[in-house]
């Protein structure tokens, strides 16, 4: 969610944050996964494999929960740290 806020501040996404977060919190097809100590430890284990701290949290969360990421982020794809759907 922090990544979404930062993208909105940088004008890289145009959706209204209130509407977007409302959809994220009420859509039953979407599950928001909290930041946990396991995820934080995985972020630390990644080291500097990815420079962007937001990307590291996203990748660490996917790894801890054994999820595949849907992304167009070439750095994440090329890192080969997590399975991705391009």
C-alpha atoms as a PDB file:
ATOM      1  CA  UNK A   1       0.000   0.000   0.000  1.00  0.00           C
ATOM      2  CA  UNK A   2       2.934   2.289   0.677  1.00  0.00           C
ATOM      3  CA  UNK A   3       4.162   1.621  -2.852  1.00  0.00           C
ATOM      4  CA  UNK A   4       0.755   2.681  -4.205  1.00  0.00           C
ATOM      5  CA  UNK A   5       0.877   5.930  -2.218  1.00  0.00           C
ATOM      6  CA  UNK A   6       4.385   6.693  -3.468  1.00  0.00           C
ATOM      7  CA  UNK A   7       3.388   5.981  -7.068  1.00  0.00           C
ATOM      8  CA  UNK A   8       0.380   8.270  -6.691  1.00  0.00           C
ATOM      9  CA  UNK A   9       2.552  11.045  -5.255  1.00  0.00           C
ATOM     10  CA  UNK A  10       4.891  10.732  -8.199  1.00  0.00           C
ATOM     11  CA  UNK A  11       1.897  10.859 -10.539  1.00  0.00           C
ATOM     12  CA  UNK A  12       2.766   7.417 -11.927  1.00  0.00           C
ATOM     13  CA  UNK A  13      -0.772   6.230 -11.189  1.00  0.00           C
ATOM     14  CA  UNK A  14      -3.863   8.350 -11.572  1.00  0.00           C
ATOM     15  CA  UNK A  15      -6.448   6.532  -9.505  1.00  0.00           C
ATOM     16  CA  UNK A  16      -7.944   8.323  -6.526  1.00  0.00           C
ATOM     17  CA  UNK A  17      -6.370   6.805  -3.429  1.00  0.00           C
ATOM     18  CA  UNK A  18      -9.593   6.824  -1.398  1.00  0.00           C
ATOM     19  CA  UNK A  19     -11.456   4.941  -4.101  1.00  0.00           C
ATOM     20  CA  UNK A  20      -8.579   2.568  -4.748  1.00  0.00           C
ATOM     21  CA  UNK A  21      -8.085   1.701  -1.067  1.00  0.00           C
ATOM     22  CA  UNK A  22     -11.832   1.255  -0.629  1.00  0.00           C
ATOM     23  CA  UNK A  23     -11.811  -1.244  -3.489  1.00  0.00           C
ATOM     24  CA  UNK A  24      -8.780  -3.030  -2.076  1.00  0.00           C
ATOM     25  CA  UNK A  25     -10.368  -3.359   1.360  1.00  0.00           C
ATOM     26  CA  UNK A  26     -13.800  -4.549   0.145  1.00  0.00           C
ATOM     27  CA  UNK A  27     -13.042  -6.700  -2.904  1.00  0.00           C
ATOM     28  CA  UNK A  28     -13.170 -10.340  -1.806  1.00  0.00           C
ATOM     29  CA  UNK A  29     -10.808 -11.338  -4.623  1.00  0.00           C
ATOM     30  CA  UNK A  30      -8.034  -9.269  -3.035  1.00  0.00           C
ATOM     31  CA  UNK A  31      -6.234 -10.150   0.174  1.00  0.00           C
ATOM     32  CA  UNK A  32      -4.021  -7.585   1.865  1.00  0.00           C
ATOM     33  CA  UNK A  33      -1.067  -9.312   3.484  1.00  0.00           C
ATOM     34  CA  UNK A  34       0.381  -7.533   6.514  1.00  0.00           C
ATOM     35  CA  UNK A  35       4.035  -6.776   7.052  1.00  0.00           C
ATOM     36  CA  UNK A  36       5.262  -9.327   9.589  1.00  0.00           C
ATOM     37  CA  UNK A  37       8.528 -10.104  11.294  1.00  0.00           C
ATOM     38  CA  UNK A  38       9.000 -13.016   8.861  1.00  0.00           C
ATOM     39  CA  UNK A  39       8.686 -10.621   5.925  1.00  0.00           C
ATOM     40  CA  UNK A  40      11.066  -8.137   7.574  1.00  0.00           C
ATOM     41  CA  UNK A  41      13.638 -10.901   8.104  1.00  0.00           C
ATOM     42  CA  UNK A  42      13.271 -11.903   4.452  1.00  0.00           C
ATOM     43  CA  UNK A  43      13.843  -8.279   3.410  1.00  0.00           C
ATOM     44  CA  UNK A  44      17.075  -8.374   5.411  1.00  0.00           C
ATOM     45  CA  UNK A  45      18.057 -11.684   3.806  1.00  0.00           C
ATOM     46  CA  UNK A  46      17.620 -10.183   0.330  1.00  0.00           C
ATOM     47  CA  UNK A  47      20.356  -7.680   1.109  1.00  0.00           C
ATOM     48  CA  UNK A  48      20.960  -5.341  -1.788  1.00  0.00           C
ATOM     49  CA  UNK A  49      19.639  -7.697  -4.474  1.00  0.00           C
ATOM     50  CA  UNK A  50      17.073  -4.985  -5.251  1.00  0.00           C
ATOM     51  CA  UNK A  51      17.800  -1.311  -4.614  1.00  0.00           C
ATOM     52  CA  UNK A  52      14.231  -0.106  -4.132  1.00  0.00           C
ATOM     53  CA  UNK A  53      13.071  -0.785  -0.556  1.00  0.00           C
ATOM     54  CA  UNK A  54       9.445  -1.065  -1.696  1.00  0.00           C
ATOM     55  CA  UNK A  55      10.389  -3.719  -4.246  1.00  0.00           C
ATOM     56  CA  UNK A  56      12.304  -5.608  -1.566  1.00  0.00           C
ATOM     57  CA  UNK A  57       9.244  -5.661   0.709  1.00  0.00           C
ATOM     58  CA  UNK A  58       7.008  -6.816  -2.143  1.00  0.00           C
ATOM     59  CA  UNK A  59       9.422  -9.576  -3.179  1.00  0.00           C
ATOM     60  CA  UNK A  60      10.027 -10.654   0.426  1.00  0.00           C
ATOM     61  CA  UNK A  61       6.277 -10.868   1.053  1.00  0.00           C
ATOM     62  CA  UNK A  62       5.805 -13.026  -2.038  1.00  0.00           C
ATOM     63  CA  UNK A  63       8.668 -15.287  -1.003  1.00  0.00           C
ATOM     64  CA  UNK A  64       7.440 -15.747   2.570  1.00  0.00           C
ATOM     65  CA  UNK A  65       3.914 -16.552   1.392  1.00  0.00           C
ATOM     66  CA  UNK A  66       5.104 -18.576  -1.624  1.00  0.00           C
ATOM     67  CA  UNK A  67       3.240 -16.366  -4.078  1.00  0.00           C
ATOM     68  CA  UNK A  68       3.876 -15.443  -7.686  1.00  0.00           C
ATOM     69  CA  UNK A  69       4.009 -11.725  -8.490  1.00  0.00           C
ATOM     70  CA  UNK A  70       2.159 -10.068 -11.317  1.00  0.00           C
ATOM     71  CA  UNK A  71       4.610  -7.371 -12.399  1.00  0.00           C
ATOM     72  CA  UNK A  72       6.077  -5.498 -15.318  1.00  0.00           C
ATOM     73  CA  UNK A  73       9.025  -4.335 -13.193  1.00  0.00           C
ATOM     74  CA  UNK A  74      12.091  -5.485 -15.121  1.00  0.00           C
ATOM     75  CA  UNK A  75      14.342  -5.299 -12.074  1.00  0.00           C
ATOM     76  CA  UNK A  76      12.139  -7.731 -10.179  1.00  0.00           C
ATOM     77  CA  UNK A  77      11.751 -10.007 -13.203  1.00  0.00           C
ATOM     78  CA  UNK A  78      15.484 -10.072 -13.917  1.00  0.00           C
ATOM     79  CA  UNK A  79      16.367 -10.578 -10.241  1.00  0.00           C
ATOM     80  CA  UNK A  80      14.969 -14.106 -10.414  1.00  0.00           C
ATOM     81  CA  UNK A  81      14.231 -13.831  -6.685  1.00  0.00           C
ATOM     82  CA  UNK A  82      10.567 -14.756  -6.972  1.00  0.00           C
ATOM     83  CA  UNK A  83       8.325 -16.383  -9.598  1.00  0.00           C
ATOM     84  CA  UNK A  84       6.580 -13.755 -11.716  1.00  0.00           C
ATOM     85  CA  UNK A  85       3.747 -13.436 -14.194  1.00  0.00           C
ATOM     86  CA  UNK A  86       4.751 -10.811 -16.733  1.00  0.00           C
END
